[in-house]
Amino acid sequence: MPRTPRDVARQVLEIEAAAVAGVVAQLDGAFDSAVDTIRAAPGRVVCTGMGKSGLVMKKVAATLASTGTPAFFLHPAEAIHGDLGMIVEGDVVLAASYSGTTEELLRLVETLKRLGITLIAMSGSAESPLARAADLHLSVAIDKEACPLNLAPTASTTATLALGDALAVALLEARGFTPEDFARLHPGGQLGKQLLRVEQLMHEGDRLPAVGLATPLRDAIYEMSRKGLGVTAVVDAGGRLAGVISDGDLRRLLEKEDSPLALTAGECMKPDPKTIAGDELAPAALKKMEDHRITSLFVTAADGRLRGIVHLHDLWGIELF
């Protein structure tokens, strides 16, 4: 009976999972040395490889760069045809070739040795020409490819990619890379939004709707209208948040009061509004709004002083963790 596509997929995934597990078993002191070497290098990590290995190393370079290790990809054939000048003193070259016999890489290695550039190789054999020429060798040896012909790079490229990720994450931890560092390198897109702090999004200064306790309600309404957020904070003489007046509060007030405009903000406010600290992450603000079914949160300092306000509209496009 012929195999179903699902049978094929299951076998491929099992082979590739076994390949990654096999790399775990091969980790040795060379990996620690590779992390120390890259950390100590004053230059960048130059990732290189041909064919499928090259595609993997492009991703490895991107992961390194996005996690605090300056890196870029250099095509080995283009390197030996004029782009070698992209490598400078202090750089470390991270090269991948499962066979370790790729001609373009070996020609590049000859030049690297003349220039005194440190080379870290990832290959399937410590006896390959690439591994022997390298300062450090990281093994990505596998039992077999997931391809039934045992020819197409499949499990080997998965193993190489996984080891590249492991190297990037080990460097991330060694450098003490923080969420703030990550946000600095990912200012756009979903990742950047996820790591924004509330204080980076809040309305403050002239954009912050706020009135005093003794402010006439008429002026409080004007403040709400002028700032356009549907609420205003009510603060005491020391600038501490005392309460909030919302559009909904005004509607309810008009229903039960004969002369609402004769009241002050302090008499109309709702005390103890929901607040958040400025150093909280944006998703935390969004979750608090969803939990309490509100559209705004006031940002306060530790002593209760009002710092700003963040509105639901400011959080559009941000997802909860």
Protein backbone atom coordinates (compact mmCIF):
# COMPACT_ATOMS: atom_id res chain seq x y z
CA MET A 1 0.00 0.00 0.00
CA PRO A 2 1.46 3.38 -0.98
CA ARG A 3 2.18 5.87 1.78
CA THR A 4 -0.17 8.78 2.28
CA PRO A 5 1.18 12.35 2.26
CA ARG A 6 0.57 12.38 6.00
CA ASP A 7 2.76 9.30 6.40
CA VAL A 8 5.53 11.01 4.46
CA ALA A 9 5.21 14.19 6.49
CA ARG A 10 5.31 12.26 9.76
CA GLN A 11 8.50 10.48 8.74
CA VAL A 12 10.17 13.70 7.59
CA LEU A 13 9.36 15.45 10.86
CA GLU A 14 10.56 12.49 12.91
CA ILE A 15 13.86 12.36 11.01
CA GLU A 16 14.41 16.09 11.37
CA ALA A 17 13.50 16.03 15.07
CA ALA A 18 16.03 13.22 15.55
CA ALA A 19 18.64 15.29 13.71
CA VAL A 20 18.19 18.21 16.11
CA ALA A 21 18.30 15.85 19.10
CA GLY A 22 21.51 14.43 17.69
CA VAL A 23 23.10 17.88 17.61
CA VAL A 24 22.28 18.28 21.29
CA ALA A 25 24.29 15.16 22.04
CA GLN A 26 27.26 16.50 20.04
CA LEU A 27 27.58 19.79 21.93
CA ASP A 28 31.01 20.14 23.52
CA GLY A 29 33.47 22.73 24.71
CA ALA A 30 33.85 24.10 21.18
CA PHE A 31 30.38 25.62 21.48
CA ASP A 32 31.35 27.47 24.68
CA SER A 33 34.54 28.64 22.98
CA ALA A 34 32.55 29.85 19.97
CA VAL A 35 30.31 31.97 22.21
CA ASP A 36 33.34 33.40 24.04
CA THR A 37 35.16 34.10 20.77
CA ILE A 38 32.22 35.97 19.24
CA ARG A 39 31.61 37.95 22.44
CA ALA A 40 35.24 39.01 22.61
CA ALA A 41 35.49 39.95 18.93
CA PRO A 42 35.42 43.71 18.26
CA GLY A 43 33.88 43.19 14.82
CA ARG A 44 30.84 41.47 13.32
CA VAL A 45 29.87 37.88 12.67
CA VAL A 46 30.07 37.22 8.94
CA CYS A 47 27.80 34.29 8.12
CA THR A 48 28.45 32.40 4.91
CA GLY A 49 27.45 29.26 3.03
CA MET A 50 26.52 28.04 -0.44
CA GLY A 51 23.19 26.76 -1.71
CA LYS A 52 20.75 25.59 0.96
CA SER A 53 23.38 26.18 3.64
CA GLY A 54 23.64 29.75 2.42
CA LEU A 55 19.90 30.25 2.83
CA VAL A 56 20.13 28.90 6.37
CA MET A 57 23.04 31.20 7.18
CA LYS A 58 21.08 34.22 5.98
CA LYS A 59 18.53 33.41 8.65
CA VAL A 60 21.24 32.80 11.25
CA ALA A 61 22.75 36.20 10.47
CA ALA A 62 19.34 37.85 10.85
CA THR A 63 18.73 36.12 14.19
CA LEU A 64 22.14 37.11 15.52
CA ALA A 65 21.66 40.73 14.47
CA SER A 66 18.19 40.94 15.99
CA THR A 67 19.39 39.60 19.33
CA GLY A 68 22.31 41.93 19.90
CA THR A 69 25.17 40.34 17.93
CA PRO A 70 26.07 42.43 14.86
CA ALA A 71 26.05 40.08 11.88
CA PHE A 72 25.47 39.91 8.14
CA PHE A 73 25.48 37.32 5.36
CA LEU A 74 28.22 37.18 2.73
CA HIS A 75 27.89 34.91 -0.31
CA PRO A 76 31.19 32.99 -0.61
CA ALA A 77 31.27 33.12 -4.41
CA GLU A 78 30.73 36.88 -4.38
CA ALA A 79 33.31 37.22 -1.62
CA ILE A 80 36.07 35.75 -3.79
CA HIS A 81 34.96 37.91 -6.70
CA GLY A 82 35.30 41.30 -5.06
CA ASP A 83 33.16 41.39 -1.89
CA LEU A 84 35.94 40.24 0.39
CA GLY A 85 36.40 43.85 1.43
CA MET A 86 33.22 43.51 3.50
CA ILE A 87 35.28 41.48 5.99
CA VAL A 88 37.48 43.60 8.22
CA GLU A 89 39.93 43.01 11.05
CA GLY A 90 38.12 41.91 14.20
CA ASP A 91 35.33 40.07 12.37
CA VAL A 92 34.54 36.41 12.97
CA VAL A 93 33.40 34.25 10.04
CA LEU A 94 30.75 31.61 10.73
CA ALA A 95 30.69 29.20 7.80
CA ALA A 96 28.33 26.27 7.16
CA SER A 97 28.77 23.38 4.77
CA TYR A 98 27.54 19.92 5.69
CA SER A 99 30.11 18.18 3.51
CA GLY A 100 32.80 20.68 4.42
CA THR A 101 34.11 20.40 0.87
CA THR A 102 32.29 23.27 -0.86
CA GLU A 103 34.82 24.72 -3.32
CA GLU A 104 33.76 28.36 -2.98
CA LEU A 105 33.97 28.18 0.80
CA LEU A 106 37.40 26.56 0.76
CA ARG A 107 38.72 29.24 -1.57
CA LEU A 108 37.34 31.87 0.79
CA VAL A 109 38.96 30.09 3.74
CA GLU A 110 42.39 30.32 2.11
CA THR A 111 42.06 34.10 2.00
CA LEU A 112 40.67 34.30 5.53
CA LYS A 113 43.69 32.46 6.89
CA ARG A 114 46.03 34.91 5.14
CA LEU A 115 44.11 37.82 6.66
CA GLY A 116 44.14 36.29 10.13
CA ILE A 117 40.33 36.21 10.39
CA THR A 118 38.88 33.81 12.98
CA LEU A 119 36.81 31.04 11.38
CA ILE A 120 34.10 28.99 13.07
CA ALA A 121 32.82 26.12 10.93
CA MET A 122 29.61 24.11 11.12
CA SER A 123 29.83 20.85 9.22
CA GLY A 124 28.96 17.17 9.46
CA SER A 125 32.53 15.94 9.91
CA ALA A 126 35.43 17.14 12.00
CA GLU A 127 37.74 15.64 9.35
CA SER A 128 36.34 17.72 6.47
CA PRO A 129 38.65 20.27 4.84
CA LEU A 130 36.50 23.13 6.18
CA ALA A 131 36.57 21.78 9.73
CA ARG A 132 40.33 21.22 9.66
CA ALA A 133 40.94 24.76 8.45
CA ALA A 134 38.68 26.32 11.09
CA ASP A 135 39.72 27.69 14.45
CA LEU A 136 36.63 26.06 15.95
CA HIS A 137 34.39 23.32 14.62
CA LEU A 138 30.73 22.80 15.61
CA SER A 139 29.36 19.43 14.55
CA VAL A 140 25.96 19.15 12.85
CA ALA A 141 26.37 15.50 11.90
CA ILE A 142 23.13 13.60 11.22
CA ASP A 143 22.27 9.95 10.58
CA LYS A 144 20.39 10.61 7.36
CA GLU A 145 18.53 13.21 5.36
CA ALA A 146 14.74 13.27 5.40
CA CYS A 147 14.82 12.98 1.62
CA PRO A 148 14.10 9.33 0.66
CA LEU A 149 17.03 9.51 -1.75
CA ASN A 150 19.23 10.77 1.11
CA LEU A 151 20.35 13.56 -1.21
CA ALA A 152 18.34 16.77 -0.77
CA PRO A 153 19.56 18.85 2.18
CA THR A 154 16.72 18.52 4.70
CA ALA A 155 17.64 17.17 8.11
CA SER A 156 21.17 18.58 7.75
CA THR A 157 19.95 22.12 7.10
CA THR A 158 17.46 21.83 9.96
CA ALA A 159 20.28 20.79 12.29
CA THR A 160 22.44 23.68 11.09
CA LEU A 161 19.62 26.17 11.57
CA ALA A 162 18.90 24.87 15.07
CA LEU A 163 22.55 25.14 16.07
CA GLY A 164 22.67 28.68 14.67
CA ASP A 165 19.65 29.58 16.78
CA ALA A 166 21.31 28.00 19.82
CA LEU A 167 24.41 30.09 19.23
CA ALA A 168 22.36 33.30 18.93
CA VAL A 169 20.40 32.61 22.11
CA ALA A 170 23.52 31.66 24.06
CA LEU A 171 25.08 34.96 22.99
CA LEU A 172 21.87 36.80 23.92
CA GLU A 173 22.05 35.43 27.47
CA ALA A 174 25.79 35.95 27.75
CA ARG A 175 25.37 39.61 26.80
CA GLY A 176 22.51 40.14 29.26
CA PHE A 177 20.24 41.18 26.39
CA THR A 178 17.03 42.70 27.81
CA PRO A 179 13.48 43.24 26.51
CA GLU A 180 14.41 46.93 26.19
CA ASP A 181 17.34 46.00 23.95
CA PHE A 182 15.05 43.81 21.87
CA ALA A 183 12.51 46.61 21.51
CA ARG A 184 15.26 49.01 20.41
CA LEU A 185 16.19 46.65 17.57
CA HIS A 186 12.55 45.92 16.63
CA PRO A 187 10.86 49.34 16.52
CA GLY A 188 8.40 48.29 13.83
CA GLY A 189 5.93 45.49 13.39
CA GLN A 190 4.22 43.31 15.96
CA LEU A 191 7.37 42.54 17.96
CA GLY A 192 8.15 46.21 18.42
CA LYS A 193 4.62 46.96 19.57
CA GLN A 194 4.65 44.06 22.01
CA LEU A 195 7.74 45.45 23.74
CA LEU A 196 6.75 49.09 23.97
CA ARG A 197 6.42 50.52 27.47
CA VAL A 198 3.26 52.34 28.50
CA GLU A 199 5.24 55.55 29.01
CA GLN A 200 6.25 55.42 25.34
CA LEU A 201 2.59 55.48 24.28
CA MET A 202 0.94 57.67 26.90
CA HIS A 203 -0.47 61.16 26.36
CA GLU A 204 1.30 63.63 28.63
CA GLY A 205 1.84 67.33 29.08
CA ASP A 206 -0.60 69.42 27.03
CA ARG A 207 -2.17 66.26 25.60
CA LEU A 208 -3.17 64.96 29.04
CA PRO A 209 -6.75 65.82 30.10
CA ALA A 210 -6.64 66.88 33.75
CA VAL A 211 -8.49 69.34 36.01
CA GLY A 212 -8.37 70.21 39.69
CA LEU A 213 -10.87 69.21 42.36
CA ALA A 214 -12.39 72.71 42.46
CA THR A 215 -12.66 73.09 38.68
CA PRO A 216 -16.24 73.91 37.60
CA LEU A 217 -17.88 71.05 35.71
CA ARG A 218 -18.31 73.31 32.67
CA ASP A 219 -14.53 73.71 32.43
CA ALA A 220 -14.01 69.99 33.00
CA ILE A 221 -16.32 69.26 30.04
CA TYR A 222 -14.33 71.70 27.93
CA GLU A 223 -11.10 69.93 28.91
CA MET A 224 -12.56 66.57 27.90
CA SER A 225 -13.72 67.96 24.57
CA ARG A 226 -10.42 69.69 23.86
CA LYS A 227 -8.26 66.62 24.55
CA GLY A 228 -10.60 64.25 22.72
CA LEU A 229 -10.16 61.13 24.84
CA GLY A 230 -13.61 60.99 26.42
CA VAL A 231 -12.30 61.37 29.97
CA THR A 232 -10.47 63.75 32.23
CA ALA A 233 -8.41 63.11 35.31
CA VAL A 234 -9.19 64.99 38.49
CA VAL A 235 -6.10 65.76 40.57
CA ASP A 236 -5.53 67.25 44.01
CA ALA A 237 -3.32 70.22 44.83
CA GLY A 238 -0.24 67.97 44.88
CA GLY A 239 -0.89 66.58 41.41
CA ARG A 240 -2.01 63.20 42.73
CA LEU A 241 -4.81 61.42 40.89
CA ALA A 242 -8.04 61.72 42.86
CA GLY A 243 -10.65 60.57 40.36
CA VAL A 244 -11.95 60.49 36.81
CA ILE A 245 -14.88 61.94 34.87
CA SER A 246 -15.91 60.13 31.70
CA ASP A 247 -18.49 60.74 28.99
CA GLY A 248 -20.61 58.06 30.59
CA ASP A 249 -20.39 59.78 33.98
CA LEU A 250 -21.63 62.99 32.40
CA ARG A 251 -24.64 61.28 30.84
CA ARG A 252 -25.60 59.70 34.13
CA LEU A 253 -25.11 63.02 35.92
CA LEU A 254 -27.43 64.83 33.50
CA GLU A 255 -30.13 62.23 34.15
CA LYS A 256 -30.16 62.68 37.94
CA GLU A 257 -29.04 66.29 38.59
CA ASP A 258 -31.18 69.36 37.92
CA SER A 259 -28.22 71.77 37.82
CA PRO A 260 -25.11 69.71 37.05
CA LEU A 261 -23.09 72.69 35.79
CA ALA A 262 -23.21 74.15 39.30
CA LEU A 263 -21.05 71.28 40.56
CA THR A 264 -17.27 71.00 40.69
CA ALA A 265 -15.12 68.25 39.20
CA GLY A 266 -14.43 66.91 42.69
CA GLU A 267 -18.16 66.55 43.33
CA CYS A 268 -18.78 64.71 40.05
CA MET A 269 -15.75 62.48 39.75
CA LYS A 270 -15.58 58.76 40.23
CA PRO A 271 -12.83 58.02 42.79
CA ASP A 272 -10.08 55.42 42.52
CA PRO A 273 -9.79 55.10 38.71
CA LYS A 274 -7.76 52.26 37.24
CA THR A 275 -4.08 53.06 36.83
CA ILE A 276 -0.89 51.54 35.52
CA ALA A 277 2.83 52.23 35.96
CA GLY A 278 4.71 53.78 33.08
CA ASP A 279 7.29 50.99 32.92
CA GLU A 280 4.67 48.30 32.31
CA LEU A 281 4.62 46.71 28.84
CA ALA A 282 1.87 47.77 26.44
CA PRO A 283 0.15 44.34 26.41
CA ALA A 284 -0.28 44.63 30.19
CA ALA A 285 -2.22 47.88 29.69
CA LEU A 286 -4.38 46.27 27.03
CA LYS A 287 -5.18 43.31 29.29
CA LYS A 288 -6.12 45.61 32.17
CA MET A 289 -8.48 47.55 29.91
CA GLU A 290 -10.08 44.35 28.66
CA ASP A 291 -10.41 42.92 32.17
CA HIS A 292 -12.15 46.06 33.47
CA ARG A 293 -13.97 46.91 30.21
CA ILE A 294 -12.57 50.42 30.05
CA THR A 295 -10.97 52.41 27.24
CA SER A 296 -8.39 54.46 29.17
CA LEU A 297 -5.83 53.98 31.91
CA PHE A 298 -4.13 56.74 33.86
CA VAL A 299 -0.38 56.42 34.27
CA THR A 300 0.81 57.30 37.75
CA ALA A 301 4.09 57.51 39.61
CA ALA A 302 4.74 55.48 42.77
CA ASP A 303 3.51 58.38 44.93
CA GLY A 304 0.22 58.64 43.05
CA ARG A 305 1.12 61.70 40.98
CA LEU A 306 -0.45 61.74 37.54
CA ARG A 307 2.02 61.22 34.68
CA GLY A 308 -0.17 60.53 31.65
CA ILE A 309 -2.98 58.55 30.11
CA VAL A 310 -3.04 55.68 27.61
CA HIS A 311 -6.12 55.07 25.46
CA LEU A 312 -7.30 51.91 23.77
CA HIS A 313 -6.67 53.53 20.38
CA ASP A 314 -3.00 53.84 21.31
CA LEU A 315 -2.83 50.07 21.64
CA TRP A 316 -4.37 49.06 18.33
CA GLY A 317 -2.39 46.28 16.70
CA ILE A 318 -0.92 45.06 19.99
CA GLU A 319 -1.69 41.48 21.03
CA LEU A 320 -1.75 40.04 24.52
CA PHE A 321 1.18 37.78 25.45
